[in-house]
Amino acid sequence: MTLRIRTKRILSISFMILGGILMFFAPEDIWIGALLFILGLGIEIAGLALGHNK
């Protein structure tokens, strides 16, 4: 069971970092920038949901 918790924590942190990078480096162009920002936000939410203990 410990391996599963460790794996979920590593995936959660990785998703949060990837989402933050996508949101930070979203270009100024409205369509591509908005798409990358929304994708980064979705990855951040997935990371938070994965790391949440019930």
PDB file of N, CA and C in Angstrom:
ATOM      1  N   MET A   1       0.819  -1.195   0.000  1.00  0.00           N
ATOM      2  CA  MET A   1       0.000   0.000   0.000  1.00  0.00           C
ATOM      3  C   MET A   1       0.865   1.263   0.000  1.00  0.00           C
ATOM      4  N   THR A   2       2.045   1.189   0.587  1.00  0.00           N
ATOM      5  CA  THR A   2       2.916   2.354   0.641  1.00  0.00           C
ATOM      6  C   THR A   2       3.386   2.762  -0.746  1.00  0.00           C
ATOM      7  N   LEU A   3       3.652   1.797  -1.600  1.00  0.00           N
ATOM      8  CA  LEU A   3       4.108   2.102  -2.955  1.00  0.00           C
ATOM      9  C   LEU A   3       3.037   2.855  -3.726  1.00  0.00           C
ATOM     10  N   ARG A   4       1.795   2.488  -3.530  1.00  0.00           N
ATOM     11  CA  ARG A   4       0.718   3.168  -4.239  1.00  0.00           C
ATOM     12  C   ARG A   4       0.602   4.622  -3.785  1.00  0.00           C
ATOM     13  N   ILE A   5       0.736   4.869  -2.493  1.00  0.00           N
ATOM     14  CA  ILE A   5       0.667   6.244  -1.993  1.00  0.00           C
ATOM     15  C   ILE A   5       1.842   7.048  -2.518  1.00  0.00           C
ATOM     16  N   ARG A   6       3.029   6.454  -2.541  1.00  0.00           N
ATOM     17  CA  ARG A   6       4.206   7.152  -3.042  1.00  0.00           C
ATOM     18  C   ARG A   6       4.051   7.454  -4.532  1.00  0.00           C
ATOM     19  N   THR A   7       3.539   6.498  -5.299  1.00  0.00           N
ATOM     20  CA  THR A   7       3.336   6.697  -6.726  1.00  0.00           C
ATOM     21  C   THR A   7       2.317   7.797  -6.984  1.00  0.00           C
ATOM     22  N   LYS A   8       1.219   7.792  -6.221  1.00  0.00           N
ATOM     23  CA  LYS A   8       0.217   8.841  -6.385  1.00  0.00           C
ATOM     24  C   LYS A   8       0.786  10.207  -6.041  1.00  0.00           C
ATOM     25  N   ARG A   9       1.615  10.273  -5.010  1.00  0.00           N
ATOM     26  CA  ARG A   9       2.206  11.551  -4.615  1.00  0.00           C
ATOM     27  C   ARG A   9       3.161  12.060  -5.684  1.00  0.00           C
ATOM     28  N   ILE A  10       3.972  11.174  -6.249  1.00  0.00           N
ATOM     29  CA  ILE A  10       4.914  11.572  -7.304  1.00  0.00           C
ATOM     30  C   ILE A  10       4.161  12.037  -8.545  1.00  0.00           C
ATOM     31  N   LEU A  11       3.112  11.307  -8.935  1.00  0.00           N
ATOM     32  CA  LEU A  11       2.300  11.724 -10.084  1.00  0.00           C
ATOM     33  C   LEU A  11       1.612  13.057  -9.822  1.00  0.00           C
ATOM     34  N   SER A  12       1.116  13.240  -8.618  1.00  0.00           N
ATOM     35  CA  SER A  12       0.440  14.481  -8.268  1.00  0.00           C
ATOM     36  C   SER A  12       1.385  15.671  -8.379  1.00  0.00           C
ATOM     37  N   ILE A  13       2.569  15.531  -7.820  1.00  0.00           N
ATOM     38  CA  ILE A  13       3.550  16.621  -7.883  1.00  0.00           C
ATOM     39  C   ILE A  13       3.980  16.874  -9.324  1.00  0.00           C
ATOM     40  N   SER A  14       4.166  15.811 -10.093  1.00  0.00           N
ATOM     41  CA  SER A  14       4.556  15.970 -11.499  1.00  0.00           C
ATOM     42  C   SER A  14       3.481  16.694 -12.299  1.00  0.00           C
ATOM     43  N   PHE A  15       2.215  16.326 -12.079  1.00  0.00           N
ATOM     44  CA  PHE A  15       1.117  16.995 -12.772  1.00  0.00           C
ATOM     45  C   PHE A  15       1.036  18.465 -12.382  1.00  0.00           C
ATOM     46  N   MET A  16       1.243  18.767 -11.106  1.00  0.00           N
ATOM     47  CA  MET A  16       1.164  20.157 -10.674  1.00  0.00           C
ATOM     48  C   MET A  16       2.295  20.987 -11.270  1.00  0.00           C
ATOM     49  N   ILE A  17       3.487  20.423 -11.344  1.00  0.00           N
ATOM     50  CA  ILE A  17       4.616  21.140 -11.943  1.00  0.00           C
ATOM     51  C   ILE A  17       4.388  21.336 -13.439  1.00  0.00           C
ATOM     52  N   LEU A  18       3.942  20.290 -14.130  1.00  0.00           N
ATOM     53  CA  LEU A  18       3.676  20.402 -15.569  1.00  0.00           C
ATOM     54  C   LEU A  18       2.574  21.424 -15.850  1.00  0.00           C
ATOM     55  N   GLY A  19       1.519  21.404 -15.056  1.00  0.00           N
ATOM     56  CA  GLY A  19       0.446  22.382 -15.232  1.00  0.00           C
ATOM     57  C   GLY A  19       0.918  23.801 -14.997  1.00  0.00           C
ATOM     58  N   GLY A  20       1.742  23.993 -13.976  1.00  0.00           N
ATOM     59  CA  GLY A  20       2.297  25.320 -13.707  1.00  0.00           C
ATOM     60  C   GLY A  20       3.184  25.817 -14.824  1.00  0.00           C
ATOM     61  N   ILE A  21       3.991  24.928 -15.382  1.00  0.00           N
ATOM     62  CA  ILE A  21       4.853  25.305 -16.503  1.00  0.00           C
ATOM     63  C   ILE A  21       4.019  25.691 -17.718  1.00  0.00           C
ATOM     64  N   LEU A  22       2.979  24.911 -18.002  1.00  0.00           N
ATOM     65  CA  LEU A  22       2.120  25.238 -19.147  1.00  0.00           C
ATOM     66  C   LEU A  22       1.423  26.582 -18.947  1.00  0.00           C
ATOM     67  N   MET A  23       0.949  26.849 -17.741  1.00  0.00           N
ATOM     68  CA  MET A  23       0.279  28.131 -17.495  1.00  0.00           C
ATOM     69  C   MET A  23       1.265  29.287 -17.543  1.00  0.00           C
ATOM     70  N   PHE A  24       2.481  29.086 -17.032  1.00  0.00           N
ATOM     71  CA  PHE A  24       3.467  30.159 -17.001  1.00  0.00           C
ATOM     72  C   PHE A  24       3.971  30.525 -18.393  1.00  0.00           C
ATOM     73  N   PHE A  25       4.179  29.521 -19.241  1.00  0.00           N
ATOM     74  CA  PHE A  25       4.743  29.763 -20.558  1.00  0.00           C
ATOM     75  C   PHE A  25       3.690  29.849 -21.668  1.00  0.00           C
ATOM     76  N   ALA A  26       2.436  30.055 -21.318  1.00  0.00           N
ATOM     77  CA  ALA A  26       1.399  30.228 -22.339  1.00  0.00           C
ATOM     78  C   ALA A  26       1.689  31.521 -23.109  1.00  0.00           C
ATOM     79  N   PRO A  27       1.695  31.456 -24.436  1.00  0.00           N
ATOM     80  CA  PRO A  27       2.044  32.643 -25.225  1.00  0.00           C
ATOM     81  C   PRO A  27       0.940  33.709 -25.185  1.00  0.00           C
ATOM     82  N   GLU A  28       1.280  34.861 -25.703  1.00  0.00           N
ATOM     83  CA  GLU A  28       0.360  35.997 -25.702  1.00  0.00           C
ATOM     84  C   GLU A  28      -0.771  35.851 -26.714  1.00  0.00           C
ATOM     85  N   ASP A  29      -0.587  35.010 -27.732  1.00  0.00           N
ATOM     86  CA  ASP A  29      -1.626  34.802 -28.734  1.00  0.00           C
ATOM     87  C   ASP A  29      -2.878  34.273 -28.048  1.00  0.00           C
ATOM     88  N   ILE A  30      -4.019  34.854 -28.334  1.00  0.00           N
ATOM     89  CA  ILE A  30      -5.226  34.600 -27.562  1.00  0.00           C
ATOM     90  C   ILE A  30      -5.688  33.149 -27.646  1.00  0.00           C
ATOM     91  N   TRP A  31      -5.674  32.546 -28.815  1.00  0.00           N
ATOM     92  CA  TRP A  31      -6.228  31.194 -28.935  1.00  0.00           C
ATOM     93  C   TRP A  31      -5.274  30.135 -28.405  1.00  0.00           C
ATOM     94  N   ILE A  32      -4.037  30.201 -28.819  1.00  0.00           N
ATOM     95  CA  ILE A  32      -3.065  29.209 -28.357  1.00  0.00           C
ATOM     96  C   ILE A  32      -2.782  29.404 -26.868  1.00  0.00           C
ATOM     97  N   GLY A  33      -2.649  30.644 -26.447  1.00  0.00           N
ATOM     98  CA  GLY A  33      -2.389  30.925 -25.038  1.00  0.00           C
ATOM     99  C   GLY A  33      -3.529  30.467 -24.143  1.00  0.00           C
ATOM    100  N   ALA A  34      -4.760  30.737 -24.573  1.00  0.00           N
ATOM    101  CA  ALA A  34      -5.911  30.305 -23.778  1.00  0.00           C
ATOM    102  C   ALA A  34      -6.015  28.787 -23.731  1.00  0.00           C
ATOM    103  N   LEU A  35      -5.731  28.137 -24.846  1.00  0.00           N
ATOM    104  CA  LEU A  35      -5.780  26.676 -24.884  1.00  0.00           C
ATOM    105  C   LEU A  35      -4.731  26.062 -23.958  1.00  0.00           C
ATOM    106  N   LEU A  36      -3.498  26.571 -24.011  1.00  0.00           N
ATOM    107  CA  LEU A  36      -2.449  26.060 -23.132  1.00  0.00           C
ATOM    108  C   LEU A  36      -2.741  26.364 -21.668  1.00  0.00           C
ATOM    109  N   PHE A  37      -3.313  27.542 -21.400  1.00  0.00           N
ATOM    110  CA  PHE A  37      -3.641  27.887 -20.020  1.00  0.00           C
ATOM    111  C   PHE A  37      -4.723  26.965 -19.467  1.00  0.00           C
ATOM    112  N   ILE A  38      -5.745  26.693 -20.260  1.00  0.00           N
ATOM    113  CA  ILE A  38      -6.822  25.795 -19.821  1.00  0.00           C
ATOM    114  C   ILE A  38      -6.289  24.370 -19.657  1.00  0.00           C
ATOM    115  N   LEU A  39      -5.419  23.936 -20.564  1.00  0.00           N
ATOM    116  CA  LEU A  39      -4.812  22.611 -20.436  1.00  0.00           C
ATOM    117  C   LEU A  39      -3.968  22.524 -19.165  1.00  0.00           C
ATOM    118  N   GLY A  40      -3.193  23.554 -18.890  1.00  0.00           N
ATOM    119  CA  GLY A  40      -2.388  23.586 -17.668  1.00  0.00           C
ATOM    120  C   GLY A  40      -3.248  23.593 -16.418  1.00  0.00           C
ATOM    121  N   LEU A  41      -4.337  24.322 -16.460  1.00  0.00           N
ATOM    122  CA  LEU A  41      -5.249  24.367 -15.325  1.00  0.00           C
ATOM    123  C   LEU A  41      -5.895  23.007 -15.092  1.00  0.00           C
ATOM    124  N   GLY A  42      -6.272  22.327 -16.170  1.00  0.00           N
ATOM    125  CA  GLY A  42      -6.854  20.991 -16.045  1.00  0.00           C
ATOM    126  C   GLY A  42      -5.865  19.993 -15.468  1.00  0.00           C
ATOM    127  N   ILE A  43      -4.607  20.092 -15.874  1.00  0.00           N
ATOM    128  CA  ILE A  43      -3.581  19.199 -15.342  1.00  0.00           C
ATOM    129  C   ILE A  43      -3.346  19.500 -13.863  1.00  0.00           C
ATOM    130  N   GLU A  44      -3.370  20.782 -13.491  1.00  0.00           N
ATOM    131  CA  GLU A  44      -3.230  21.151 -12.077  1.00  0.00           C
ATOM    132  C   GLU A  44      -4.364  20.561 -11.249  1.00  0.00           C
ATOM    133  N   ILE A  45      -5.583  20.653 -11.741  1.00  0.00           N
ATOM    134  CA  ILE A  45      -6.733  20.109 -11.013  1.00  0.00           C
ATOM    135  C   ILE A  45      -6.623  18.592 -10.904  1.00  0.00           C
ATOM    136  N   ALA A  46      -6.164  17.936 -11.978  1.00  0.00           N
ATOM    137  CA  ALA A  46      -5.984  16.488 -11.924  1.00  0.00           C
ATOM    138  C   ALA A  46      -4.920  16.115 -10.890  1.00  0.00           C
ATOM    139  N   GLY A  47      -3.865  16.887 -10.814  1.00  0.00           N
ATOM    140  CA  GLY A  47      -2.817  16.640  -9.822  1.00  0.00           C
ATOM    141  C   GLY A  47      -3.313  16.818  -8.408  1.00  0.00           C
ATOM    142  N   LEU A  48      -4.112  17.845  -8.187  1.00  0.00           N
ATOM    143  CA  LEU A  48      -4.687  18.062  -6.855  1.00  0.00           C
ATOM    144  C   LEU A  48      -5.660  16.958  -6.470  1.00  0.00           C
ATOM    145  N   ALA A  49      -6.470  16.527  -7.419  1.00  0.00           N
ATOM    146  CA  ALA A  49      -7.425  15.459  -7.139  1.00  0.00           C
ATOM    147  C   ALA A  49      -6.714  14.130  -6.886  1.00  0.00           C
ATOM    148  N   LEU A  50      -5.625  13.891  -7.590  1.00  0.00           N
ATOM    149  CA  LEU A  50      -4.884  12.653  -7.411  1.00  0.00           C
ATOM    150  C   LEU A  50      -4.173  12.633  -6.049  1.00  0.00           C
ATOM    151  N   GLY A  51      -3.702  13.786  -5.608  1.00  0.00           N
ATOM    152  CA  GLY A  51      -2.987  13.847  -4.340  1.00  0.00           C
ATOM    153  C   GLY A  51      -3.883  13.952  -3.135  1.00  0.00           C
ATOM    154  N   HIS A  52      -5.155  14.157  -3.336  1.00  0.00           N
ATOM    155  CA  HIS A  52      -6.088  14.307  -2.232  1.00  0.00           C
ATOM    156  C   HIS A  52      -6.390  12.958  -1.584  1.00  0.00           C
ATOM    157  N   ASN A  53      -6.201  12.889  -0.280  1.00  0.00           N
ATOM    158  CA  ASN A  53      -6.508  11.645   0.457  1.00  0.00           C
ATOM    159  C   ASN A  53      -7.943  11.698   0.971  1.00  0.00           C
ATOM    160  N   LYS A  54      -8.659  10.626   0.766  1.00  0.00           N
ATOM    161  CA  LYS A  54     -10.058  10.605   1.201  1.00  0.00           C
ATOM    162  C   LYS A  54     -10.180  10.024   2.591  1.00  0.00           C
TER     163      LYS A  54
END
